[in-house]
């Protein structure tokens, strides 16, 4: 579904991505892992069009899309839940969800809203409440639900567990798995390596702008280098 080849992206004079190659197969969850400053969010912004890559290609469903704007990417079926959630805090939960569908003109919006409320019952309970008054976990659910309302083929999730309590984190990852099982492909950026690899099918490890490891989630969980660097377990 998504193929990235030789991607380089700069912040001013600083090279943040140094020729990365990645693939996301349709129907899968792919995890992009790494420490702060590794280039994970830069990768997401480059895919969605918030940053313009200097070199390389981004191919989505066979079409080169690098250089397109975020709204053009959304129309093609890619939706981003950004780091920090970025909900519309001064608008109600319902307003946020309706904004997620603002580029649609089909007759299935109401049905999709019902599906969202079925998956996130707390949002239905609080649909008249301002987004900024929700808890951190509820705001993350709202951000994911808003993205789902655009009916994405590919959902980009940037640090969905950041700042959340462990029980809420477990809920968020369960929801991510359910979304994938319902037919949406997911690219997940996450510092919580263990949780991410538990739900993902495949993973890439990014270090200082370069892909250093990749493989099936099972292989990465059993890799001594990954255990030592990201799971707090000494390599044998």
Protein backbone atom coordinates (compact mmCIF):
# COMPACT_ATOMS: atom_id res chain seq x y z
CA UNK A 1 0.00 0.00 0.00
CA UNK A 2 2.77 2.45 0.97
CA UNK A 3 6.37 2.37 -0.22
CA UNK A 4 9.08 4.84 0.81
CA UNK A 5 12.35 4.83 -1.10
CA UNK A 6 15.51 6.83 -0.40
CA UNK A 7 13.65 9.49 1.57
CA UNK A 8 15.66 12.45 2.86
CA UNK A 9 14.07 15.34 4.74
CA UNK A 10 15.66 18.43 6.26
CA UNK A 11 14.76 20.92 8.98
CA UNK A 12 16.58 23.96 7.65
CA UNK A 13 20.21 22.81 7.33
CA UNK A 14 19.73 19.78 9.58
CA UNK A 15 19.17 16.45 7.83
CA UNK A 16 16.51 14.59 9.80
CA UNK A 17 15.96 11.60 7.48
CA UNK A 18 18.94 10.04 5.72
CA UNK A 19 17.61 7.94 2.87
CA UNK A 20 15.08 5.68 4.56
CA UNK A 21 13.31 2.77 2.84
CA UNK A 22 10.07 1.30 4.20
CA UNK A 23 7.02 -0.63 3.07
CA UNK A 24 3.55 -0.96 4.57
CA UNK A 25 1.51 -3.84 3.17
CA UNK A 26 -2.24 -3.52 2.90
CA UNK A 27 -4.16 -4.88 5.89
CA UNK A 28 -1.21 -4.82 8.28
CA UNK A 29 -0.03 -2.83 11.29
CA UNK A 30 3.55 -1.61 10.84
CA UNK A 31 5.42 -0.10 13.79
CA UNK A 32 8.09 2.57 13.38
CA UNK A 33 10.19 2.52 16.53
CA UNK A 34 12.99 4.58 17.97
CA UNK A 35 14.08 7.02 20.64
CA UNK A 36 13.27 10.73 20.80
CA UNK A 37 14.91 12.59 17.94
CA UNK A 38 15.31 9.49 15.77
CA UNK A 39 13.13 10.95 13.00
CA UNK A 40 9.84 9.12 13.57
CA UNK A 41 7.58 12.19 13.57
CA UNK A 42 9.55 13.64 10.66
CA UNK A 43 8.72 10.48 8.71
CA UNK A 44 5.01 10.88 9.45
CA UNK A 45 5.05 14.57 8.50
CA UNK A 46 6.89 13.75 5.28
CA UNK A 47 4.29 11.12 4.36
CA UNK A 48 1.27 13.32 5.06
CA UNK A 49 2.73 16.39 3.35
CA UNK A 50 3.48 18.63 6.34
CA UNK A 51 7.17 18.47 5.38
CA UNK A 52 8.50 18.34 1.83
CA UNK A 53 11.19 15.68 1.30
CA UNK A 54 14.35 16.82 -0.45
CA UNK A 55 14.91 13.52 -2.25
CA UNK A 56 13.27 10.12 -2.52
CA UNK A 57 9.81 8.86 -3.36
CA UNK A 58 6.62 8.08 -1.46
CA UNK A 59 4.29 5.76 -3.35
CA UNK A 60 0.72 5.14 -2.17
CA UNK A 61 -1.30 2.49 -3.98
CA UNK A 62 1.00 2.72 -6.97
CA UNK A 63 0.96 6.52 -7.27
CA UNK A 64 3.85 8.79 -6.31
CA UNK A 65 2.50 11.27 -3.76
CA UNK A 66 5.55 13.06 -2.33
CA UNK A 67 5.03 16.81 -2.45
CA UNK A 68 1.23 16.65 -2.17
CA UNK A 69 -0.50 18.75 0.50
CA UNK A 70 -2.13 17.20 3.58
CA UNK A 71 -5.66 17.76 2.24
CA UNK A 72 -4.70 16.05 -1.03
CA UNK A 73 -3.30 13.12 0.94
CA UNK A 74 -6.49 12.94 2.97
CA UNK A 75 -8.55 12.73 -0.22
CA UNK A 76 -6.41 9.82 -1.34
CA UNK A 77 -7.13 7.99 1.89
CA UNK A 78 -4.32 8.78 4.34
CA UNK A 79 -5.22 10.27 7.73
CA UNK A 80 -2.87 11.32 10.54
CA UNK A 81 -3.42 11.32 14.30
CA UNK A 82 -0.57 13.64 15.27
CA UNK A 83 1.67 13.51 18.29
CA UNK A 84 -0.03 15.37 21.14
CA UNK A 85 -3.50 14.60 19.70
CA UNK A 86 -4.20 18.16 18.40
CA UNK A 87 -7.93 17.97 18.93
CA UNK A 88 -10.03 21.11 18.54
CA UNK A 89 -10.17 21.84 22.27
CA UNK A 90 -12.63 24.74 22.05
CA UNK A 91 -15.15 22.69 20.07
CA UNK A 92 -17.42 19.90 21.25
CA UNK A 93 -16.73 16.20 20.80
CA UNK A 94 -19.43 16.09 18.12
CA UNK A 95 -17.93 19.08 16.30
CA UNK A 96 -14.53 17.34 16.29
CA UNK A 97 -16.02 14.17 14.84
CA UNK A 98 -17.94 16.07 12.17
CA UNK A 99 -14.75 17.91 11.23
CA UNK A 100 -13.14 14.53 10.63
CA UNK A 101 -15.64 13.96 7.81
CA UNK A 102 -15.51 17.47 6.34
CA UNK A 103 -14.11 16.30 2.96
CA UNK A 104 -16.78 13.64 2.53
CA UNK A 105 -20.05 14.09 0.67
CA UNK A 106 -21.41 10.55 0.78
CA UNK A 107 -24.48 9.31 2.64
CA UNK A 108 -22.64 7.06 5.08
CA UNK A 109 -21.42 9.73 7.50
CA UNK A 110 -24.25 9.18 10.01
CA UNK A 111 -23.70 5.40 9.91
CA UNK A 112 -19.97 5.85 10.47
CA UNK A 113 -20.70 8.16 13.41
CA UNK A 114 -22.79 5.40 14.97
CA UNK A 115 -19.91 2.96 14.50
CA UNK A 116 -17.56 5.42 16.20
CA UNK A 117 -19.92 5.76 19.17
CA UNK A 118 -20.19 1.97 19.37
CA UNK A 119 -16.40 1.67 19.51
CA UNK A 120 -15.95 4.71 21.80
CA UNK A 121 -19.06 4.85 24.03
CA UNK A 122 -17.46 7.50 26.26
CA UNK A 123 -17.49 9.89 23.30
CA UNK A 124 -21.22 9.46 22.82
CA UNK A 125 -21.75 10.15 26.52
CA UNK A 126 -19.72 13.35 26.20
CA UNK A 127 -20.59 14.43 22.66
CA UNK A 128 -21.72 17.89 23.84
CA UNK A 129 -18.65 18.40 26.02
CA UNK A 130 -15.75 20.58 24.89
CA UNK A 131 -12.81 18.51 23.68
CA UNK A 132 -10.36 20.38 25.90
CA UNK A 133 -12.21 19.28 29.05
CA UNK A 134 -11.75 15.55 28.34
CA UNK A 135 -9.10 13.45 30.08
CA UNK A 136 -5.89 12.64 28.19
CA UNK A 137 -7.09 9.17 27.29
CA UNK A 138 -10.47 10.45 26.12
CA UNK A 139 -8.77 13.10 24.00
CA UNK A 140 -6.65 10.40 22.37
CA UNK A 141 -9.77 8.37 21.64
CA UNK A 142 -11.37 11.49 20.14
CA UNK A 143 -8.32 12.12 17.95
CA UNK A 144 -8.42 8.55 16.64
CA UNK A 145 -12.19 8.66 16.15
CA UNK A 146 -11.94 11.97 14.27
CA UNK A 147 -9.39 10.42 11.90
CA UNK A 148 -11.57 7.34 11.40
CA UNK A 149 -14.46 9.61 10.33
CA UNK A 150 -12.48 10.43 7.18
CA UNK A 151 -12.67 6.71 6.23
CA UNK A 152 -8.89 6.31 5.76
CA UNK A 153 -7.33 3.46 3.86
CA UNK A 154 -4.11 4.12 5.78
CA UNK A 155 -4.14 5.48 9.34
CA UNK A 156 -0.97 7.14 10.65
CA UNK A 157 -0.70 7.16 14.45
CA UNK A 158 2.06 9.25 16.02
CA UNK A 159 2.80 8.30 19.65
CA UNK A 160 -0.78 7.35 20.64
CA UNK A 161 0.26 6.17 24.12
CA UNK A 162 2.23 9.28 25.08
CA UNK A 163 1.42 10.57 28.56
CA UNK A 164 -1.33 8.03 29.25
CA UNK A 165 -1.83 5.74 32.24
CA UNK A 166 -1.02 2.03 31.68
CA UNK A 167 -4.67 0.93 31.71
CA UNK A 168 -5.57 3.58 29.15
CA UNK A 169 -2.58 2.57 27.02
CA UNK A 170 -3.88 -1.01 26.95
CA UNK A 171 -7.27 0.29 25.79
CA UNK A 172 -5.70 2.39 23.04
CA UNK A 173 -3.71 -0.55 21.65
CA UNK A 174 -6.78 -2.79 21.78
CA UNK A 175 -8.65 -0.17 19.75
CA UNK A 176 -5.78 0.07 17.23
CA UNK A 177 -5.93 -3.69 16.72
CA UNK A 178 -9.72 -3.57 16.27
CA UNK A 179 -9.43 -0.77 13.71
CA UNK A 180 -6.92 -2.83 11.75
CA UNK A 181 -9.09 -5.94 11.93
CA UNK A 182 -11.99 -3.92 10.51
CA UNK A 183 -9.95 -3.28 7.35
CA UNK A 184 -7.78 -0.20 7.95
CA UNK A 185 -4.03 -0.41 7.40
CA UNK A 186 -2.02 1.23 10.20
CA UNK A 187 1.43 2.82 10.42
CA UNK A 188 2.23 3.31 14.09
CA UNK A 189 4.98 5.48 15.55
CA UNK A 190 5.60 4.54 19.17
CA UNK A 191 8.20 4.71 21.93
CA UNK A 192 6.46 1.93 23.84
CA UNK A 193 8.28 -0.74 21.88
CA UNK A 194 6.88 -3.77 23.66
CA UNK A 195 3.23 -2.71 23.28
CA UNK A 196 3.74 -1.67 19.66
CA UNK A 197 5.33 -4.96 18.65
CA UNK A 198 2.58 -6.92 20.39
CA UNK A 199 -0.03 -5.50 17.99
CA UNK A 200 2.12 -4.92 14.88
CA UNK A 201 2.86 -7.42 12.14
CA UNK A 202 6.13 -5.83 11.10
CA UNK A 203 8.50 -3.25 12.52
CA UNK A 204 11.23 -0.80 11.57
CA UNK A 205 13.75 0.71 13.97
CA UNK A 206 14.86 4.25 13.21
CA UNK A 207 18.05 5.69 14.71
CA UNK A 208 19.28 9.21 13.92
CA UNK A 209 17.44 9.31 10.62
CA UNK A 210 18.39 5.83 9.39
CA UNK A 211 16.60 2.47 9.44
CA UNK A 212 18.91 0.18 11.41
CA UNK A 213 16.72 -2.91 11.90
CA UNK A 214 13.53 -4.27 10.44
CA UNK A 215 11.65 -7.53 10.50
CA UNK A 216 8.58 -9.30 11.78
CA UNK A 217 7.39 -8.22 15.20
CA UNK A 218 8.25 -11.62 16.63
CA UNK A 219 11.79 -11.43 15.30
CA UNK A 220 12.30 -7.91 16.65
CA UNK A 221 10.96 -8.87 20.09
CA UNK A 222 13.46 -11.72 20.20
CA UNK A 223 16.38 -9.67 18.84
CA UNK A 224 18.98 -9.20 21.59
CA UNK A 225 19.95 -5.76 20.25
CA UNK A 226 16.34 -4.56 20.45
CA UNK A 227 15.93 -6.05 23.92
CA UNK A 228 19.00 -4.26 25.18
CA UNK A 229 18.34 -0.90 23.54
CA UNK A 230 14.56 -0.59 23.95
CA UNK A 231 13.21 -3.22 26.34
CA UNK A 232 15.63 -2.80 29.21
CA UNK A 233 16.93 -6.36 28.98
CA UNK A 234 20.63 -7.12 28.85
CA UNK A 235 21.76 -8.94 25.73
CA UNK A 236 23.06 -12.44 26.30
